[in-house]
Structures are given as structure tokens and as C-alpha cells.
Amino acid sequence: MNQTFTVTGMTCGHCEKAVTRAVKQADPQAEVSIDRAANKVEVQSDQPRELLAQAIAEEGYSVAA
């Protein structure tokens, strides 16, 4: 299932890697695509949206509903 999150606070490539790593820890099979300029994170995953959003938030980024 494709899920799109609006994530603010990503300012560099390291931020993108941190968000990707957080999602992959929640779902190792997930596919992650990030458009930092648009604050968009697209995740292909069957995990619940709340679980993925929480993983991103725990890295210190704001996730809009």
C-alpha cells in the first residue's frame, strides 16, 4: 500500500537517510521515496500508517496527518 506523509524538518541528505532508516526499522520490506523540497515521504508498506508516522516522529521530524 502506498502511503504519503508530509514531513517537516528534513534539511539535508542525512535527514533523508535518518527518515529512511526509521521507516525500514518499522518495516524492513518498505520502499521509501523522499522529495525533501516538497516535504513529502512516500512509503510502499503494508504496515499501519500510525506505526510508520511514529517511527519518523521518533527521529525528531514533524509528521502532518
PDB file of N, CA and C in Angstrom:
ATOM      1  N   MET A   1       0.837  -1.164   0.000  1.00  0.00           N
ATOM      2  CA  MET A   1       0.000   0.000   0.000  1.00  0.00           C
ATOM      3  C   MET A   1       0.892   1.240   0.000  1.00  0.00           C
ATOM      4  N   ASN A   2       0.591   2.189  -0.893  1.00  0.00           N
ATOM      5  CA  ASN A   2       1.376   3.413  -0.976  1.00  0.00           C
ATOM      6  C   ASN A   2       0.827   4.436   0.008  1.00  0.00           C
ATOM      7  N   GLN A   3       1.702   4.981   0.834  1.00  0.00           N
ATOM      8  CA  GLN A   3       1.307   5.963   1.833  1.00  0.00           C
ATOM      9  C   GLN A   3       2.204   7.185   1.687  1.00  0.00           C
ATOM     10  N   THR A   4       1.598   8.376   1.746  1.00  0.00           N
ATOM     11  CA  THR A   4       2.354   9.615   1.627  1.00  0.00           C
ATOM     12  C   THR A   4       2.257  10.385   2.931  1.00  0.00           C
ATOM     13  N   PHE A   5       3.411  10.831   3.414  1.00  0.00           N
ATOM     14  CA  PHE A   5       3.487  11.611   4.645  1.00  0.00           C
ATOM     15  C   PHE A   5       4.070  12.982   4.331  1.00  0.00           C
ATOM     16  N   THR A   6       3.556  14.009   5.011  1.00  0.00           N
ATOM     17  CA  THR A   6       4.155  15.329   4.945  1.00  0.00           C
ATOM     18  C   THR A   6       5.058  15.440   6.165  1.00  0.00           C
ATOM     19  N   VAL A   7       6.364  15.546   5.911  1.00  0.00           N
ATOM     20  CA  VAL A   7       7.354  15.539   6.988  1.00  0.00           C
ATOM     21  C   VAL A   7       8.170  16.822   6.916  1.00  0.00           C
ATOM     22  N   THR A   8       8.156  17.588   7.996  1.00  0.00           N
ATOM     23  CA  THR A   8       8.933  18.819   8.026  1.00  0.00           C
ATOM     24  C   THR A   8      10.149  18.641   8.917  1.00  0.00           C
ATOM     25  N   GLY A   9      11.170  19.407   8.612  1.00  0.00           N
ATOM     26  CA  GLY A   9      12.404  19.346   9.390  1.00  0.00           C
ATOM     27  C   GLY A   9      13.553  18.668   8.652  1.00  0.00           C
ATOM     28  N   MET A  10      13.275  18.102   7.489  1.00  0.00           N
ATOM     29  CA  MET A  10      14.347  17.464   6.712  1.00  0.00           C
ATOM     30  C   MET A  10      15.080  18.554   5.934  1.00  0.00           C
ATOM     31  N   THR A  11      16.363  18.713   6.215  1.00  0.00           N
ATOM     32  CA  THR A  11      17.112  19.801   5.578  1.00  0.00           C
ATOM     33  C   THR A  11      18.296  19.323   4.746  1.00  0.00           C
ATOM     34  N   CYS A  12      18.631  18.027   4.847  1.00  0.00           N
ATOM     35  CA  CYS A  12      19.825  17.554   4.137  1.00  0.00           C
ATOM     36  C   CYS A  12      19.716  16.067   3.831  1.00  0.00           C
ATOM     37  N   GLY A  13      20.721  15.564   3.162  1.00  0.00           N
ATOM     38  CA  GLY A  13      20.759  14.149   2.834  1.00  0.00           C
ATOM     39  C   GLY A  13      20.792  13.268   4.075  1.00  0.00           C
ATOM     40  N   HIS A  14      21.446  13.733   5.119  1.00  0.00           N
ATOM     41  CA  HIS A  14      21.485  12.961   6.374  1.00  0.00           C
ATOM     42  C   HIS A  14      20.080  12.800   6.936  1.00  0.00           C
ATOM     43  N   CYS A  15      19.274  13.861   6.841  1.00  0.00           N
ATOM     44  CA  CYS A  15      17.886  13.792   7.308  1.00  0.00           C
ATOM     45  C   CYS A  15      17.109  12.730   6.518  1.00  0.00           C
ATOM     46  N   GLU A  16      17.311  12.716   5.203  1.00  0.00           N
ATOM     47  CA  GLU A  16      16.637  11.736   4.361  1.00  0.00           C
ATOM     48  C   GLU A  16      17.030  10.320   4.776  1.00  0.00           C
ATOM     49  N   LYS A  17      18.315  10.117   5.048  1.00  0.00           N
ATOM     50  CA  LYS A  17      18.777   8.793   5.464  1.00  0.00           C
ATOM     51  C   LYS A  17      18.179   8.406   6.805  1.00  0.00           C
ATOM     52  N   ALA A  18      18.068   9.365   7.722  1.00  0.00           N
ATOM     53  CA  ALA A  18      17.504   9.078   9.043  1.00  0.00           C
ATOM     54  C   ALA A  18      16.038   8.677   8.930  1.00  0.00           C
ATOM     55  N   VAL A  19      15.287   9.379   8.090  1.00  0.00           N
ATOM     56  CA  VAL A  19      13.875   9.051   7.893  1.00  0.00           C
ATOM     57  C   VAL A  19      13.743   7.684   7.224  1.00  0.00           C
ATOM     58  N   THR A  20      14.555   7.442   6.210  1.00  0.00           N
ATOM     59  CA  THR A  20      14.526   6.144   5.528  1.00  0.00           C
ATOM     60  C   THR A  20      14.857   5.013   6.492  1.00  0.00           C
ATOM     61  N   ARG A  21      15.886   5.208   7.304  1.00  0.00           N
ATOM     62  CA  ARG A  21      16.289   4.191   8.283  1.00  0.00           C
ATOM     63  C   ARG A  21      15.170   3.929   9.295  1.00  0.00           C
ATOM     64  N   ALA A  22      14.498   4.987   9.737  1.00  0.00           N
ATOM     65  CA  ALA A  22      13.404   4.841  10.700  1.00  0.00           C
ATOM     66  C   ALA A  22      12.265   4.008  10.112  1.00  0.00           C
ATOM     67  N   VAL A  23      11.920   4.299   8.861  1.00  0.00           N
ATOM     68  CA  VAL A  23      10.841   3.543   8.209  1.00  0.00           C
ATOM     69  C   VAL A  23      11.258   2.088   8.027  1.00  0.00           C
ATOM     70  N   LYS A  24      12.498   1.870   7.610  1.00  0.00           N
ATOM     71  CA  LYS A  24      12.980   0.499   7.376  1.00  0.00           C
ATOM     72  C   LYS A  24      13.056  -0.296   8.676  1.00  0.00           C
ATOM     73  N   GLN A  25      13.271   0.366   9.797  1.00  0.00           N
ATOM     74  CA  GLN A  25      13.267  -0.344  11.074  1.00  0.00           C
ATOM     75  C   GLN A  25      11.855  -0.808  11.410  1.00  0.00           C
ATOM     76  N   ALA A  26      10.863  -0.001  11.046  1.00  0.00           N
ATOM     77  CA  ALA A  26       9.464  -0.375  11.284  1.00  0.00           C
ATOM     78  C   ALA A  26       9.012  -1.448  10.298  1.00  0.00           C
ATOM     79  N   ASP A  27       9.540  -1.385   9.066  1.00  0.00           N
ATOM     80  CA  ASP A  27       9.189  -2.349   8.027  1.00  0.00           C
ATOM     81  C   ASP A  27      10.388  -2.532   7.097  1.00  0.00           C
ATOM     82  N   PRO A  28      11.189  -3.579   7.334  1.00  0.00           N
ATOM     83  CA  PRO A  28      12.382  -3.801   6.508  1.00  0.00           C
ATOM     84  C   PRO A  28      12.088  -3.964   5.016  1.00  0.00           C
ATOM     85  N   GLN A  29      10.857  -4.329   4.668  1.00  0.00           N
ATOM     86  CA  GLN A  29      10.493  -4.524   3.266  1.00  0.00           C
ATOM     87  C   GLN A  29      10.005  -3.241   2.596  1.00  0.00           C
ATOM     88  N   ALA A  30       9.888  -2.168   3.347  1.00  0.00           N
ATOM     89  CA  ALA A  30       9.335  -0.918   2.817  1.00  0.00           C
ATOM     90  C   ALA A  30      10.218  -0.322   1.732  1.00  0.00           C
ATOM     91  N   GLU A  31       9.555   0.341   0.777  1.00  0.00           N
ATOM     92  CA  GLU A  31      10.252   1.125  -0.230  1.00  0.00           C
ATOM     93  C   GLU A  31       9.976   2.584   0.104  1.00  0.00           C
ATOM     94  N   VAL A  32      11.032   3.388   0.189  1.00  0.00           N
ATOM     95  CA  VAL A  32      10.908   4.783   0.619  1.00  0.00           C
ATOM     96  C   VAL A  32      11.397   5.718  -0.480  1.00  0.00           C
ATOM     97  N   SER A  33      10.602   6.732  -0.778  1.00  0.00           N
ATOM     98  CA  SER A  33      10.977   7.764  -1.740  1.00  0.00           C
ATOM     99  C   SER A  33      10.744   9.113  -1.073  1.00  0.00           C
ATOM    100  N   ILE A  34      11.756   9.978  -1.098  1.00  0.00           N
ATOM    101  CA  ILE A  34      11.666  11.259  -0.403  1.00  0.00           C
ATOM    102  C   ILE A  34      11.856  12.415  -1.376  1.00  0.00           C
ATOM    103  N   ASP A  35      10.939  13.396  -1.295  1.00  0.00           N
ATOM    104  CA  ASP A  35      11.073  14.661  -2.023  1.00  0.00           C
ATOM    105  C   ASP A  35      11.228  15.733  -0.949  1.00  0.00           C
ATOM    106  N   ARG A  36      12.482  15.998  -0.585  1.00  0.00           N
ATOM    107  CA  ARG A  36      12.770  16.909   0.525  1.00  0.00           C
ATOM    108  C   ARG A  36      12.224  18.311   0.256  1.00  0.00           C
ATOM    109  N   ALA A  37      12.322  18.798  -0.964  1.00  0.00           N
ATOM    110  CA  ALA A  37      11.859  20.148  -1.301  1.00  0.00           C
ATOM    111  C   ALA A  37      10.354  20.297  -1.065  1.00  0.00           C
ATOM    112  N   ALA A  38       9.607  19.232  -1.278  1.00  0.00           N
ATOM    113  CA  ALA A  38       8.155  19.262  -1.096  1.00  0.00           C
ATOM    114  C   ALA A  38       7.734  18.726   0.275  1.00  0.00           C
ATOM    115  N   ASN A  39       8.711  18.337   1.098  1.00  0.00           N
ATOM    116  CA  ASN A  39       8.424  17.758   2.425  1.00  0.00           C
ATOM    117  C   ASN A  39       7.556  16.509   2.332  1.00  0.00           C
ATOM    118  N   LYS A  40       7.750  15.724   1.278  1.00  0.00           N
ATOM    119  CA  LYS A  40       6.953  14.519   1.073  1.00  0.00           C
ATOM    120  C   LYS A  40       7.798  13.260   1.232  1.00  0.00           C
ATOM    121  N   VAL A  41       7.239  12.294   1.940  1.00  0.00           N
ATOM    122  CA  VAL A  41       7.856  10.980   2.074  1.00  0.00           C
ATOM    123  C   VAL A  41       6.818   9.975   1.608  1.00  0.00           C
ATOM    124  N   GLU A  42       7.145   9.228   0.564  1.00  0.00           N
ATOM    125  CA  GLU A  42       6.248   8.185   0.074  1.00  0.00           C
ATOM    126  C   GLU A  42       6.800   6.844   0.512  1.00  0.00           C
ATOM    127  N   VAL A  43       5.917   6.043   1.081  1.00  0.00           N
ATOM    128  CA  VAL A  43       6.321   4.743   1.599  1.00  0.00           C
ATOM    129  C   VAL A  43       5.407   3.676   1.018  1.00  0.00           C
ATOM    130  N   GLN A  44       6.022   2.651   0.449  1.00  0.00           N
ATOM    131  CA  GLN A  44       5.284   1.479  -0.018  1.00  0.00           C
ATOM    132  C   GLN A  44       5.430   0.432   1.084  1.00  0.00           C
ATOM    133  N   SER A  45       4.341   0.232   1.853  1.00  0.00           N
ATOM    134  CA  SER A  45       4.409  -0.661   3.002  1.00  0.00           C
ATOM    135  C   SER A  45       3.014  -1.116   3.385  1.00  0.00           C
ATOM    136  N   ASP A  46       2.945  -2.315   3.949  1.00  0.00           N
ATOM    137  CA  ASP A  46       1.673  -2.827   4.450  1.00  0.00           C
ATOM    138  C   ASP A  46       1.500  -2.559   5.940  1.00  0.00           C
ATOM    139  N   GLN A  47       2.493  -1.897   6.548  1.00  0.00           N
ATOM    140  CA  GLN A  47       2.399  -1.581   7.975  1.00  0.00           C
ATOM    141  C   GLN A  47       1.390  -0.460   8.196  1.00  0.00           C
ATOM    142  N   PRO A  48       0.794  -0.397   9.392  1.00  0.00           N
ATOM    143  CA  PRO A  48      -0.167   0.678   9.678  1.00  0.00           C
ATOM    144  C   PRO A  48       0.476   2.054   9.567  1.00  0.00           C
ATOM    145  N   ARG A  49      -0.280   2.986   9.056  1.00  0.00           N
ATOM    146  CA  ARG A  49       0.200   4.363   8.871  1.00  0.00           C
ATOM    147  C   ARG A  49       0.732   4.940  10.186  1.00  0.00           C
ATOM    148  N   GLU A  50       0.026   4.679  11.280  1.00  0.00           N
ATOM    149  CA  GLU A  50       0.411   5.229  12.584  1.00  0.00           C
ATOM    150  C   GLU A  50       1.798   4.739  12.998  1.00  0.00           C
ATOM    151  N   LEU A  51       2.096   3.475  12.721  1.00  0.00           N
ATOM    152  CA  LEU A  51       3.392   2.906  13.086  1.00  0.00           C
ATOM    153  C   LEU A  51       4.517   3.601  12.320  1.00  0.00           C
ATOM    154  N   LEU A  52       4.312   3.826  11.044  1.00  0.00           N
ATOM    155  CA  LEU A  52       5.331   4.483  10.221  1.00  0.00           C
ATOM    156  C   LEU A  52       5.500   5.941  10.625  1.00  0.00           C
ATOM    157  N   ALA A  53       4.392   6.634  10.879  1.00  0.00           N
ATOM    158  CA  ALA A  53       4.458   8.030  11.299  1.00  0.00           C
ATOM    159  C   ALA A  53       5.181   8.156  12.638  1.00  0.00           C
ATOM    160  N   GLN A  54       4.918   7.231  13.544  1.00  0.00           N
ATOM    161  CA  GLN A  54       5.577   7.257  14.847  1.00  0.00           C
ATOM    162  C   GLN A  54       7.079   7.038  14.696  1.00  0.00           C
ATOM    163  N   ALA A  55       7.468   6.122  13.813  1.00  0.00           N
ATOM    164  CA  ALA A  55       8.896   5.861  13.595  1.00  0.00           C
ATOM    165  C   ALA A  55       9.604   7.113  13.083  1.00  0.00           C
ATOM    166  N   ILE A  56       8.951   7.846  12.172  1.00  0.00           N
ATOM    167  CA  ILE A  56       9.534   9.081  11.640  1.00  0.00           C
ATOM    168  C   ILE A  56       9.603  10.141  12.739  1.00  0.00           C
ATOM    169  N   ALA A  57       8.534  10.274  13.510  1.00  0.00           N
ATOM    170  CA  ALA A  57       8.486  11.274  14.581  1.00  0.00           C
ATOM    171  C   ALA A  57       9.546  11.008  15.645  1.00  0.00           C
ATOM    172  N   GLU A  58       9.821   9.737  15.922  1.00  0.00           N
ATOM    173  CA  GLU A  58      10.821   9.389  16.925  1.00  0.00           C
ATOM    174  C   GLU A  58      12.233   9.810  16.496  1.00  0.00           C
ATOM    175  N   GLU A  59      12.423  10.041  15.190  1.00  0.00           N
ATOM    176  CA  GLU A  59      13.707  10.547  14.701  1.00  0.00           C
ATOM    177  C   GLU A  59      13.800  12.062  14.877  1.00  0.00           C
ATOM    178  N   GLY A  60      12.710  12.689  15.301  1.00  0.00           N
ATOM    179  CA  GLY A  60      12.726  14.122  15.574  1.00  0.00           C
ATOM    180  C   GLY A  60      12.108  14.983  14.486  1.00  0.00           C
ATOM    181  N   TYR A  61      11.362  14.383  13.572  1.00  0.00           N
ATOM    182  CA  TYR A  61      10.742  15.132  12.493  1.00  0.00           C
ATOM    183  C   TYR A  61       9.244  15.249  12.732  1.00  0.00           C
ATOM    184  N   SER A  62       8.651  16.345  12.275  1.00  0.00           N
ATOM    185  CA  SER A  62       7.211  16.548  12.422  1.00  0.00           C
ATOM    186  C   SER A  62       6.487  15.879  11.264  1.00  0.00           C
ATOM    187  N   VAL A  63       5.481  15.084  11.610  1.00  0.00           N
ATOM    188  CA  VAL A  63       4.697  14.379  10.606  1.00  0.00           C
ATOM    189  C   VAL A  63       3.275  14.908  10.657  1.00  0.00           C
ATOM    190  N   ALA A  64       2.820  15.506   9.553  1.00  0.00           N
ATOM    191  CA  ALA A  64       1.449  16.001   9.489  1.00  0.00           C
ATOM    192  C   ALA A  64       0.512  14.841   9.165  1.00  0.00           C
ATOM    193  N   ALA A  65      -0.699  14.927   9.652  1.00  0.00           N
ATOM    194  CA  ALA A  65      -1.684  13.866   9.435  1.00  0.00           C
ATOM    195  C   ALA A  65      -2.072  13.758   7.976  1.00  0.00           C
TER     196      ALA A  65
END
